[in-house]
């Protein structure tokens, strides 16, 4: 039975080749939304290879699992997979991959729990710093202004999402720049970018030795910002959005020679001021369709013996 080994090989090949191809391509910065989708499809294909390999290995190792997996299948299909001709590696592979899956789930739960804890803490701090006035009702999209000497703005998610802006930011932001900042943060919320960040961080934290997961996390953090920049610039213009970024980050040293945690900001400003040509709608559609087919390949590989038996 070679299908589980082929699936693992396919997953490893996808994990190595796909990030390199994406790193060499010149279109991800031009189309961050498409790039986000492509990365999700690549990681989904890698995880699907592992899941299918685990399932077939478990079916080969234990008769009880085999009965559940192949219960509705004809006898010829079961024989095509040669489940009985396996060595001791089948059980070891199934257990190893199952443990990896449980570990991934645990890392995701931990990441979400930490994010919720941070959100509760920030909401508690916000309530103490900006309490509701008598008779004021909490409304969705409420703008909260905090006293602060440092220009900053962030979107606070939750049951009552709101934009928080410091007084220093209000003094800095001119004209429609505040509207651009609001549109940027709303873009994150509407696209559910926080879930992409949670999943990518969980995989990278749980498997630090797997380069594709680290690259997935780094690219998610970068691409979601580019996508939100594009959402804001489409409504309020690239120059207004770029100036808002400069005003909010100028005092953080991000435009100096020394690297900072916000070193990506100068690249974002440059991209807004010198916008690259977008891909044609036809090419965007082709890239999206091709990426959607990547997770289908492991499924087809898994079904090949059964389809041959039925054909």
C-alpha atoms as a PDB file:
ATOM      1  CA  UNK A   1       0.000   0.000   0.000  1.00  0.00           C
ATOM      2  CA  UNK A   2       1.818   3.080  -1.284  1.00  0.00           C
ATOM      3  CA  UNK A   3      -0.895   5.735  -1.149  1.00  0.00           C
ATOM      4  CA  UNK A   4      -0.106   6.999   2.393  1.00  0.00           C
ATOM      5  CA  UNK A   5       3.594   7.315   1.503  1.00  0.00           C
ATOM      6  CA  UNK A   6       2.731   9.112  -1.736  1.00  0.00           C
ATOM      7  CA  UNK A   7       0.499  11.513   0.170  1.00  0.00           C
ATOM      8  CA  UNK A   8       3.248  12.321   2.666  1.00  0.00           C
ATOM      9  CA  UNK A   9       5.695  12.852  -0.178  1.00  0.00           C
ATOM     10  CA  UNK A  10       3.185  15.102  -1.947  1.00  0.00           C
ATOM     11  CA  UNK A  11       2.645  17.116   1.227  1.00  0.00           C
ATOM     12  CA  UNK A  12       6.382  17.567   1.746  1.00  0.00           C
ATOM     13  CA  UNK A  13       6.860  18.569  -1.889  1.00  0.00           C
ATOM     14  CA  UNK A  14       4.044  21.129  -1.659  1.00  0.00           C
ATOM     15  CA  UNK A  15       5.462  22.529   1.576  1.00  0.00           C
ATOM     16  CA  UNK A  16       8.882  23.036  -0.022  1.00  0.00           C
ATOM     17  CA  UNK A  17       8.062  24.120  -3.570  1.00  0.00           C
ATOM     18  CA  UNK A  18       4.975  26.330  -3.123  1.00  0.00           C
ATOM     19  CA  UNK A  19       6.564  28.908  -0.726  1.00  0.00           C
ATOM     20  CA  UNK A  20       9.572  29.236  -3.025  1.00  0.00           C
ATOM     21  CA  UNK A  21       7.372  29.821  -6.058  1.00  0.00           C
ATOM     22  CA  UNK A  22       5.348  32.433  -4.185  1.00  0.00           C
ATOM     23  CA  UNK A  23       8.518  34.160  -2.955  1.00  0.00           C
ATOM     24  CA  UNK A  24       9.790  34.476  -6.519  1.00  0.00           C
ATOM     25  CA  UNK A  25       6.493  35.691  -7.962  1.00  0.00           C
ATOM     26  CA  UNK A  26       5.989  39.421  -8.497  1.00  0.00           C
ATOM     27  CA  UNK A  27       2.199  39.455  -8.163  1.00  0.00           C
ATOM     28  CA  UNK A  28       1.463  38.808  -4.416  1.00  0.00           C
ATOM     29  CA  UNK A  29       2.112  42.450  -3.472  1.00  0.00           C
ATOM     30  CA  UNK A  30      -0.032  43.555  -6.399  1.00  0.00           C
ATOM     31  CA  UNK A  31      -2.914  41.273  -5.454  1.00  0.00           C
ATOM     32  CA  UNK A  32      -2.729  40.584  -1.695  1.00  0.00           C
ATOM     33  CA  UNK A  33      -6.261  39.159  -1.522  1.00  0.00           C
ATOM     34  CA  UNK A  34      -5.445  36.562  -4.168  1.00  0.00           C
ATOM     35  CA  UNK A  35      -2.135  35.824  -2.422  1.00  0.00           C
ATOM     36  CA  UNK A  36      -3.971  35.258   0.860  1.00  0.00           C
ATOM     37  CA  UNK A  37      -6.206  32.722  -0.858  1.00  0.00           C
ATOM     38  CA  UNK A  38      -3.260  30.961  -2.518  1.00  0.00           C
ATOM     39  CA  UNK A  39      -1.418  30.612   0.794  1.00  0.00           C
ATOM     40  CA  UNK A  40      -4.514  29.198   2.469  1.00  0.00           C
ATOM     41  CA  UNK A  41      -4.929  26.635  -0.310  1.00  0.00           C
ATOM     42  CA  UNK A  42      -1.274  25.593  -0.064  1.00  0.00           C
ATOM     43  CA  UNK A  43      -1.414  25.063   3.692  1.00  0.00           C
ATOM     44  CA  UNK A  44      -4.787  23.326   3.383  1.00  0.00           C
ATOM     45  CA  UNK A  45      -3.259  20.929   0.838  1.00  0.00           C
ATOM     46  CA  UNK A  46      -0.351  20.125   3.167  1.00  0.00           C
ATOM     47  CA  UNK A  47      -2.698  19.472   6.089  1.00  0.00           C
ATOM     48  CA  UNK A  48      -5.033  17.440   3.879  1.00  0.00           C
ATOM     49  CA  UNK A  49      -2.144  15.233   2.736  1.00  0.00           C
ATOM     50  CA  UNK A  50      -1.327  14.471   6.360  1.00  0.00           C
ATOM     51  CA  UNK A  51      -4.972  13.852   7.294  1.00  0.00           C
ATOM     52  CA  UNK A  52      -5.615  11.472   4.394  1.00  0.00           C
ATOM     53  CA  UNK A  53      -2.353   9.638   4.975  1.00  0.00           C
ATOM     54  CA  UNK A  54      -3.280   9.221   8.643  1.00  0.00           C
ATOM     55  CA  UNK A  55      -6.727   7.874   7.721  1.00  0.00           C
ATOM     56  CA  UNK A  56      -5.429   5.280   5.265  1.00  0.00           C
ATOM     57  CA  UNK A  57      -2.597   4.259   7.596  1.00  0.00           C
ATOM     58  CA  UNK A  58      -5.063   3.763  10.427  1.00  0.00           C
ATOM     59  CA  UNK A  59      -7.334   1.736   8.137  1.00  0.00           C
ATOM     60  CA  UNK A  60      -4.380  -0.460   7.194  1.00  0.00           C
ATOM     61  CA  UNK A  61      -3.295  -0.965  10.807  1.00  0.00           C
ATOM     62  CA  UNK A  62      -6.650  -1.621  12.484  1.00  0.00           C
ATOM     63  CA  UNK A  63      -9.598  -3.599  11.165  1.00  0.00           C
ATOM     64  CA  UNK A  64     -12.093  -1.524  13.165  1.00  0.00           C
ATOM     65  CA  UNK A  65     -10.990   1.703  11.467  1.00  0.00           C
ATOM     66  CA  UNK A  66     -11.001  -0.040   8.089  1.00  0.00           C
ATOM     67  CA  UNK A  67     -14.592  -1.094   8.584  1.00  0.00           C
ATOM     68  CA  UNK A  68     -15.685   2.498   9.212  1.00  0.00           C
ATOM     69  CA  UNK A  69     -13.642   4.094   6.408  1.00  0.00           C
ATOM     70  CA  UNK A  70     -14.520   1.553   3.723  1.00  0.00           C
ATOM     71  CA  UNK A  71     -17.958   0.535   4.990  1.00  0.00           C
ATOM     72  CA  UNK A  72     -19.908   1.593   1.868  1.00  0.00           C
ATOM     73  CA  UNK A  73     -17.166   0.613  -0.607  1.00  0.00           C
ATOM     74  CA  UNK A  74     -17.373  -2.487  -2.807  1.00  0.00           C
ATOM     75  CA  UNK A  75     -14.996  -5.353  -2.097  1.00  0.00           C
ATOM     76  CA  UNK A  76     -12.979  -4.620  -5.238  1.00  0.00           C
ATOM     77  CA  UNK A  77     -12.234  -1.109  -3.996  1.00  0.00           C
ATOM     78  CA  UNK A  78     -11.011  -2.346  -0.617  1.00  0.00           C
ATOM     79  CA  UNK A  79      -8.774  -4.905  -2.310  1.00  0.00           C
ATOM     80  CA  UNK A  80      -7.358  -2.224  -4.631  1.00  0.00           C
ATOM     81  CA  UNK A  81      -5.834  -0.421  -1.644  1.00  0.00           C
ATOM     82  CA  UNK A  82      -4.067  -3.594  -0.468  1.00  0.00           C
ATOM     83  CA  UNK A  83      -4.685  -2.694   3.137  1.00  0.00           C
ATOM     84  CA  UNK A  84      -3.559  -6.063   4.419  1.00  0.00           C
ATOM     85  CA  UNK A  85      -0.095  -5.889   2.846  1.00  0.00           C
ATOM     86  CA  UNK A  86       1.357  -3.380   5.315  1.00  0.00           C
ATOM     87  CA  UNK A  87       4.169  -3.478   7.778  1.00  0.00           C
ATOM     88  CA  UNK A  88       4.429  -2.079  11.299  1.00  0.00           C
ATOM     89  CA  UNK A  89       4.953   1.402   9.888  1.00  0.00           C
ATOM     90  CA  UNK A  90       1.227   1.883   9.276  1.00  0.00           C
ATOM     91  CA  UNK A  91       0.283   2.053  12.966  1.00  0.00           C
ATOM     92  CA  UNK A  92       3.286   4.242  13.786  1.00  0.00           C
ATOM     93  CA  UNK A  93       2.449   6.643  10.944  1.00  0.00           C
ATOM     94  CA  UNK A  94      -1.199   6.858  11.958  1.00  0.00           C
ATOM     95  CA  UNK A  95      -0.376   7.524  15.608  1.00  0.00           C
ATOM     96  CA  UNK A  96       2.283  10.114  14.760  1.00  0.00           C
ATOM     97  CA  UNK A  97       0.013  12.025  12.402  1.00  0.00           C
ATOM     98  CA  UNK A  98      -2.901  11.823  14.838  1.00  0.00           C
ATOM     99  CA  UNK A  99      -0.735  13.285  17.595  1.00  0.00           C
ATOM    100  CA  UNK A 100       0.348  16.067  15.227  1.00  0.00           C
ATOM    101  CA  UNK A 101      -3.287  16.830  14.458  1.00  0.00           C
ATOM    102  CA  UNK A 102      -4.233  16.944  18.131  1.00  0.00           C
ATOM    103  CA  UNK A 103      -1.227  19.168  18.834  1.00  0.00           C
ATOM    104  CA  UNK A 104      -2.317  21.545  16.034  1.00  0.00           C
ATOM    105  CA  UNK A 105      -5.794  21.744  17.531  1.00  0.00           C
ATOM    106  CA  UNK A 106      -4.380  22.395  20.989  1.00  0.00           C
ATOM    107  CA  UNK A 107      -2.163  25.188  19.631  1.00  0.00           C
ATOM    108  CA  UNK A 108      -5.134  26.798  17.907  1.00  0.00           C
ATOM    109  CA  UNK A 109      -7.239  26.627  21.060  1.00  0.00           C
ATOM    110  CA  UNK A 110      -4.391  28.146  23.055  1.00  0.00           C
ATOM    111  CA  UNK A 111      -3.917  30.951  20.527  1.00  0.00           C
ATOM    112  CA  UNK A 112      -7.624  31.796  20.491  1.00  0.00           C
ATOM    113  CA  UNK A 113      -7.781  31.686  24.303  1.00  0.00           C
ATOM    114  CA  UNK A 114      -4.808  34.044  24.562  1.00  0.00           C
ATOM    115  CA  UNK A 115      -6.354  36.409  22.025  1.00  0.00           C
ATOM    116  CA  UNK A 116      -9.618  36.481  23.950  1.00  0.00           C
ATOM    117  CA  UNK A 117      -7.772  37.135  27.195  1.00  0.00           C
ATOM    118  CA  UNK A 118      -5.924  40.050  25.608  1.00  0.00           C
ATOM    119  CA  UNK A 119      -9.214  41.365  24.214  1.00  0.00           C
ATOM    120  CA  UNK A 120     -10.905  41.211  27.615  1.00  0.00           C
ATOM    121  CA  UNK A 121      -7.978  43.026  29.193  1.00  0.00           C
ATOM    122  CA  UNK A 122      -7.999  45.762  26.566  1.00  0.00           C
ATOM    123  CA  UNK A 123     -11.764  46.193  26.835  1.00  0.00           C
ATOM    124  CA  UNK A 124     -11.483  46.451  30.613  1.00  0.00           C
ATOM    125  CA  UNK A 125      -8.767  49.069  30.253  1.00  0.00           C
ATOM    126  CA  UNK A 126     -10.903  50.943  27.751  1.00  0.00           C
ATOM    127  CA  UNK A 127     -13.909  50.924  30.083  1.00  0.00           C
ATOM    128  CA  UNK A 128     -11.772  52.400  32.869  1.00  0.00           C
ATOM    129  CA  UNK A 129     -10.204  55.036  30.614  1.00  0.00           C
ATOM    130  CA  UNK A 130     -13.319  55.960  28.632  1.00  0.00           C
ATOM    131  CA  UNK A 131     -16.459  55.000  30.580  1.00  0.00           C
ATOM    132  CA  UNK A 132     -19.878  55.489  29.061  1.00  0.00           C
ATOM    133  CA  UNK A 133     -21.583  58.742  29.919  1.00  0.00           C
ATOM    134  CA  UNK A 134     -24.918  58.658  31.785  1.00  0.00           C
ATOM    135  CA  UNK A 135     -27.595  57.581  29.336  1.00  0.00           C
ATOM    136  CA  UNK A 136     -25.095  56.631  26.627  1.00  0.00           C
ATOM    137  CA  UNK A 137     -25.656  53.278  24.955  1.00  0.00           C
ATOM    138  CA  UNK A 138     -22.777  51.155  23.568  1.00  0.00           C
ATOM    139  CA  UNK A 139     -23.211  51.080  19.804  1.00  0.00           C
ATOM    140  CA  UNK A 140     -21.416  49.207  17.059  1.00  0.00           C
ATOM    141  CA  UNK A 141     -18.657  51.207  15.396  1.00  0.00           C
ATOM    142  CA  UNK A 142     -18.400  53.686  18.281  1.00  0.00           C
ATOM    143  CA  UNK A 143     -15.368  55.963  18.030  1.00  0.00           C
ATOM    144  CA  UNK A 144     -13.494  56.200  21.335  1.00  0.00           C
ATOM    145  CA  UNK A 145     -10.969  58.954  21.929  1.00  0.00           C
ATOM    146  CA  UNK A 146      -8.302  58.404  24.596  1.00  0.00           C
ATOM    147  CA  UNK A 147      -5.873  60.900  26.048  1.00  0.00           C
ATOM    148  CA  UNK A 148      -2.413  59.996  24.829  1.00  0.00           C
ATOM    149  CA  UNK A 149       0.816  61.656  23.801  1.00  0.00           C
ATOM    150  CA  UNK A 150       1.581  58.939  21.245  1.00  0.00           C
ATOM    151  CA  UNK A 151      -0.398  58.870  17.979  1.00  0.00           C
ATOM    152  CA  UNK A 152      -2.111  55.528  17.740  1.00  0.00           C
ATOM    153  CA  UNK A 153      -5.302  53.968  16.455  1.00  0.00           C
ATOM    154  CA  UNK A 154      -6.604  50.414  16.610  1.00  0.00           C
ATOM    155  CA  UNK A 155      -9.763  48.430  16.055  1.00  0.00           C
ATOM    156  CA  UNK A 156     -11.131  46.722  19.157  1.00  0.00           C
ATOM    157  CA  UNK A 157     -13.132  43.682  18.095  1.00  0.00           C
ATOM    158  CA  UNK A 158     -15.767  41.886  20.119  1.00  0.00           C
ATOM    159  CA  UNK A 159     -19.485  42.097  20.666  1.00  0.00           C
ATOM    160  CA  UNK A 160     -19.386  45.905  20.317  1.00  0.00           C
ATOM    161  CA  UNK A 161     -16.527  46.676  17.905  1.00  0.00           C
ATOM    162  CA  UNK A 162     -15.114  50.163  17.982  1.00  0.00           C
ATOM    163  CA  UNK A 163     -12.233  52.266  16.731  1.00  0.00           C
ATOM    164  CA  UNK A 164      -9.950  53.644  19.438  1.00  0.00           C
ATOM    165  CA  UNK A 165      -7.925  56.768  18.634  1.00  0.00           C
ATOM    166  CA  UNK A 166      -5.594  58.763  20.847  1.00  0.00           C
ATOM    167  CA  UNK A 167      -5.771  62.540  21.059  1.00  0.00           C
ATOM    168  CA  UNK A 168      -2.256  62.733  19.624  1.00  0.00           C
ATOM    169  CA  UNK A 169      -3.476  60.851  16.550  1.00  0.00           C
ATOM    170  CA  UNK A 170      -6.390  63.255  16.134  1.00  0.00           C
ATOM    171  CA  UNK A 171      -3.988  66.176  16.217  1.00  0.00           C
ATOM    172  CA  UNK A 172      -1.822  64.486  13.583  1.00  0.00           C
ATOM    173  CA  UNK A 173      -4.470  63.129  11.218  1.00  0.00           C
ATOM    174  CA  UNK A 174      -5.706  65.762   8.796  1.00  0.00           C
ATOM    175  CA  UNK A 175      -8.730  65.827   6.551  1.00  0.00           C
ATOM    176  CA  UNK A 176      -9.925  62.355   5.601  1.00  0.00           C
ATOM    177  CA  UNK A 177      -6.900  60.577   7.054  1.00  0.00           C
ATOM    178  CA  UNK A 178      -8.917  59.477  10.092  1.00  0.00           C
ATOM    179  CA  UNK A 179     -11.553  58.054   7.743  1.00  0.00           C
ATOM    180  CA  UNK A 180      -8.802  56.131   5.931  1.00  0.00           C
ATOM    181  CA  UNK A 181      -7.572  54.684   9.240  1.00  0.00           C
ATOM    182  CA  UNK A 182     -11.118  53.672  10.130  1.00  0.00           C
ATOM    183  CA  UNK A 183     -11.593  52.031   6.720  1.00  0.00           C
ATOM    184  CA  UNK A 184      -8.301  50.159   7.138  1.00  0.00           C
ATOM    185  CA  UNK A 185      -9.304  48.736  10.500  1.00  0.00           C
ATOM    186  CA  UNK A 186     -12.821  47.945   9.331  1.00  0.00           C
ATOM    187  CA  UNK A 187     -11.278  46.083   6.407  1.00  0.00           C
ATOM    188  CA  UNK A 188      -9.494  43.794   8.870  1.00  0.00           C
ATOM    189  CA  UNK A 189     -12.720  43.171  10.764  1.00  0.00           C
ATOM    190  CA  UNK A 190     -14.912  42.513   7.712  1.00  0.00           C
ATOM    191  CA  UNK A 191     -12.422  40.103   6.140  1.00  0.00           C
ATOM    192  CA  UNK A 192     -11.973  38.222   9.449  1.00  0.00           C
ATOM    193  CA  UNK A 193      -8.213  38.647   9.195  1.00  0.00           C
ATOM    194  CA  UNK A 194      -7.819  37.825  12.885  1.00  0.00           C
ATOM    195  CA  UNK A 195      -8.760  34.194  12.184  1.00  0.00           C
ATOM    196  CA  UNK A 196      -6.031  33.926   9.558  1.00  0.00           C
ATOM    197  CA  UNK A 197      -3.545  35.316  12.058  1.00  0.00           C
ATOM    198  CA  UNK A 198      -4.712  32.922  14.783  1.00  0.00           C
ATOM    199  CA  UNK A 199      -4.427  29.845  12.540  1.00  0.00           C
ATOM    200  CA  UNK A 200      -1.053  30.794  11.069  1.00  0.00           C
ATOM    201  CA  UNK A 201       0.384  31.636  14.486  1.00  0.00           C
ATOM    202  CA  UNK A 202      -0.895  28.367  15.956  1.00  0.00           C
ATOM    203  CA  UNK A 203       0.752  26.298  13.201  1.00  0.00           C
ATOM    204  CA  UNK A 204       4.031  28.216  13.369  1.00  0.00           C
ATOM    205  CA  UNK A 205       4.127  27.968  17.174  1.00  0.00           C
ATOM    206  CA  UNK A 206       3.178  24.305  17.270  1.00  0.00           C
ATOM    207  CA  UNK A 207       5.642  23.264  14.564  1.00  0.00           C
ATOM    208  CA  UNK A 208       8.553  25.723  14.685  1.00  0.00           C
ATOM    209  CA  UNK A 209      10.774  23.365  12.663  1.00  0.00           C
ATOM    210  CA  UNK A 210       8.423  23.366   9.647  1.00  0.00           C
ATOM    211  CA  UNK A 211       9.421  26.280   7.379  1.00  0.00           C
ATOM    212  CA  UNK A 212       6.156  26.421   5.445  1.00  0.00           C
ATOM    213  CA  UNK A 213       4.192  27.246   8.599  1.00  0.00           C
ATOM    214  CA  UNK A 214       6.626  30.007   9.601  1.00  0.00           C
ATOM    215  CA  UNK A 215       6.407  31.463   6.096  1.00  0.00           C
ATOM    216  CA  UNK A 216       2.608  31.182   6.250  1.00  0.00           C
ATOM    217  CA  UNK A 217       2.513  33.175   9.494  1.00  0.00           C
ATOM    218  CA  UNK A 218       4.873  35.889   8.232  1.00  0.00           C
ATOM    219  CA  UNK A 219       3.029  36.281   4.943  1.00  0.00           C
ATOM    220  CA  UNK A 220      -0.362  36.425   6.647  1.00  0.00           C
ATOM    221  CA  UNK A 221       0.789  39.297   8.871  1.00  0.00           C
ATOM    222  CA  UNK A 222       2.157  41.147   5.851  1.00  0.00           C
ATOM    223  CA  UNK A 223      -0.576  40.464   3.325  1.00  0.00           C
ATOM    224  CA  UNK A 224      -3.513  41.307   5.598  1.00  0.00           C
ATOM    225  CA  UNK A 225      -2.018  44.781   6.070  1.00  0.00           C
ATOM    226  CA  UNK A 226      -1.632  45.245   2.320  1.00  0.00           C
ATOM    227  CA  UNK A 227      -5.187  44.067   1.747  1.00  0.00           C
ATOM    228  CA  UNK A 228      -6.524  46.487   4.375  1.00  0.00           C
ATOM    229  CA  UNK A 229      -4.459  49.300   2.850  1.00  0.00           C
ATOM    230  CA  UNK A 230      -6.081  48.604  -0.500  1.00  0.00           C
ATOM    231  CA  UNK A 231      -9.551  48.661   1.051  1.00  0.00           C
ATOM    232  CA  UNK A 232      -8.850  52.067   2.581  1.00  0.00           C
ATOM    233  CA  UNK A 233      -7.180  53.497  -0.520  1.00  0.00           C
ATOM    234  CA  UNK A 234     -10.081  52.505  -2.770  1.00  0.00           C
ATOM    235  CA  UNK A 235     -12.388  54.677  -0.666  1.00  0.00           C
ATOM    236  CA  UNK A 236     -10.172  57.579   0.326  1.00  0.00           C
ATOM    237  CA  UNK A 237      -7.231  57.516  -2.051  1.00  0.00           C
ATOM    238  CA  UNK A 238      -3.704  56.162  -1.871  1.00  0.00           C
ATOM    239  CA  UNK A 239      -2.115  59.471  -0.906  1.00  0.00           C
ATOM    240  CA  UNK A 240      -4.489  60.000   2.013  1.00  0.00           C
ATOM    241  CA  UNK A 241      -3.921  56.443   3.275  1.00  0.00           C
ATOM    242  CA  UNK A 242      -0.141  56.749   2.932  1.00  0.00           C
ATOM    243  CA  UNK A 243      -0.082  60.058   4.805  1.00  0.00           C
ATOM    244  CA  UNK A 244      -2.192  58.540   7.583  1.00  0.00           C
ATOM    245  CA  UNK A 245       0.349  55.708   7.922  1.00  0.00           C
ATOM    246  CA  UNK A 246       3.208  58.203   8.073  1.00  0.00           C
ATOM    247  CA  UNK A 247       1.502  60.361  10.698  1.00  0.00           C
ATOM    248  CA  UNK A 248       0.716  57.378  12.930  1.00  0.00           C
ATOM    249  CA  UNK A 249       4.191  55.812  12.713  1.00  0.00           C
ATOM    250  CA  UNK A 250       6.601  58.704  12.279  1.00  0.00           C
ATOM    251  CA  UNK A 251       7.539  58.856  15.966  1.00  0.00           C
ATOM    252  CA  UNK A 252       8.200  55.108  16.183  1.00  0.00           C
ATOM    253  CA  UNK A 253      11.443  55.265  14.242  1.00  0.00           C
ATOM    254  CA  UNK A 254      10.156  53.063  11.450  1.00  0.00           C
ATOM    255  CA  UNK A 255      11.560  55.355   8.768  1.00  0.00           C
ATOM    256  CA  UNK A 256      15.099  55.324  10.162  1.00  0.00           C
ATOM    257  CA  UNK A 257      18.017  53.036   9.300  1.00  0.00           C
ATOM    258  CA  UNK A 258      17.591  50.771  12.329  1.00  0.00           C
ATOM    259  CA  UNK A 259      15.088  47.904  12.031  1.00  0.00           C
ATOM    260  CA  UNK A 260      11.998  48.077  14.230  1.00  0.00           C
ATOM    261  CA  UNK A 261       8.988  45.811  14.853  1.00  0.00           C
ATOM    262  CA  UNK A 262       7.123  48.034  12.347  1.00  0.00           C
ATOM    263  CA  UNK A 263       9.758  47.840   9.611  1.00  0.00           C
ATOM    264  CA  UNK A 264       7.090  46.891   7.065  1.00  0.00           C
ATOM    265  CA  UNK A 265       5.469  50.352   7.252  1.00  0.00           C
ATOM    266  CA  UNK A 266       7.921  52.095   4.849  1.00  0.00           C
ATOM    267  CA  UNK A 267       7.280  49.389   2.247  1.00  0.00           C
ATOM    268  CA  UNK A 268       3.536  49.850   2.662  1.00  0.00           C
ATOM    269  CA  UNK A 269       3.845  53.626   2.245  1.00  0.00           C
ATOM    270  CA  UNK A 270       6.035  53.206  -0.841  1.00  0.00           C
ATOM    271  CA  UNK A 271       3.529  50.744  -2.314  1.00  0.00           C
ATOM    272  CA  UNK A 272       0.684  53.202  -1.771  1.00  0.00           C
ATOM    273  CA  UNK A 273       2.578  56.106  -3.328  1.00  0.00           C
ATOM    274  CA  UNK A 274       3.846  54.083  -6.298  1.00  0.00           C
ATOM    275  CA  UNK A 275       1.007  51.631  -6.887  1.00  0.00           C
ATOM    276  CA  UNK A 276       1.932  48.598  -8.988  1.00  0.00           C
ATOM    277  CA  UNK A 277      -0.254  47.663 -11.911  1.00  0.00           C
ATOM    278  CA  UNK A 278      -3.002  45.262 -10.915  1.00  0.00           C
ATOM    279  CA  UNK A 279      -3.372  41.952 -12.667  1.00  0.00           C
ATOM    280  CA  UNK A 280      -6.113  41.585 -15.211  1.00  0.00           C
ATOM    281  CA  UNK A 281      -9.391  40.118 -14.033  1.00  0.00           C
ATOM    282  CA  UNK A 282      -8.771  37.036 -16.176  1.00  0.00           C
ATOM    283  CA  UNK A 283      -5.391  36.370 -14.581  1.00  0.00           C
ATOM    284  CA  UNK A 284      -6.775  36.884 -11.089  1.00  0.00           C
ATOM    285  CA  UNK A 285      -9.476  34.359 -11.899  1.00  0.00           C
ATOM    286  CA  UNK A 286      -6.934  31.872 -13.244  1.00  0.00           C
ATOM    287  CA  UNK A 287      -4.754  32.197 -10.146  1.00  0.00           C
ATOM    288  CA  UNK A 288      -7.745  31.768  -7.845  1.00  0.00           C
ATOM    289  CA  UNK A 289      -8.963  28.715  -9.745  1.00  0.00           C
ATOM    290  CA  UNK A 290      -5.498  27.145  -9.893  1.00  0.00           C
ATOM    291  CA  UNK A 291      -5.032  27.647  -6.144  1.00  0.00           C
ATOM    292  CA  UNK A 292      -8.441  26.109  -5.472  1.00  0.00           C
ATOM    293  CA  UNK A 293      -7.344  22.963  -7.289  1.00  0.00           C
ATOM    294  CA  UNK A 294      -4.249  22.471  -5.091  1.00  0.00           C
ATOM    295  CA  UNK A 295      -6.177  20.902  -2.154  1.00  0.00           C
ATOM    296  CA  UNK A 296      -8.053  18.713  -4.645  1.00  0.00           C
ATOM    297  CA  UNK A 297      -4.860  16.929  -5.733  1.00  0.00           C
ATOM    298  CA  UNK A 298      -4.442  14.940  -2.464  1.00  0.00           C
ATOM    299  CA  UNK A 299      -8.069  13.839  -2.722  1.00  0.00           C
ATOM    300  CA  UNK A 300      -7.548  12.625  -6.289  1.00  0.00           C
ATOM    301  CA  UNK A 301      -4.371  10.777  -5.301  1.00  0.00           C
ATOM    302  CA  UNK A 302      -6.299   9.070  -2.511  1.00  0.00           C
ATOM    303  CA  UNK A 303      -9.120   8.037  -4.838  1.00  0.00           C
ATOM    304  CA  UNK A 304      -6.944   6.724  -7.698  1.00  0.00           C
ATOM    305  CA  UNK A 305      -6.863   3.027  -6.579  1.00  0.00           C
ATOM    306  CA  UNK A 306     -10.597   2.981  -5.937  1.00  0.00           C
ATOM    307  CA  UNK A 307     -11.424   4.680  -9.244  1.00  0.00           C
ATOM    308  CA  UNK A 308      -9.245   2.203 -11.105  1.00  0.00           C
ATOM    309  CA  UNK A 309     -11.009  -0.692  -9.426  1.00  0.00           C
ATOM    310  CA  UNK A 310     -14.399   0.711 -10.383  1.00  0.00           C
ATOM    311  CA  UNK A 311     -13.307   1.578 -13.940  1.00  0.00           C
END
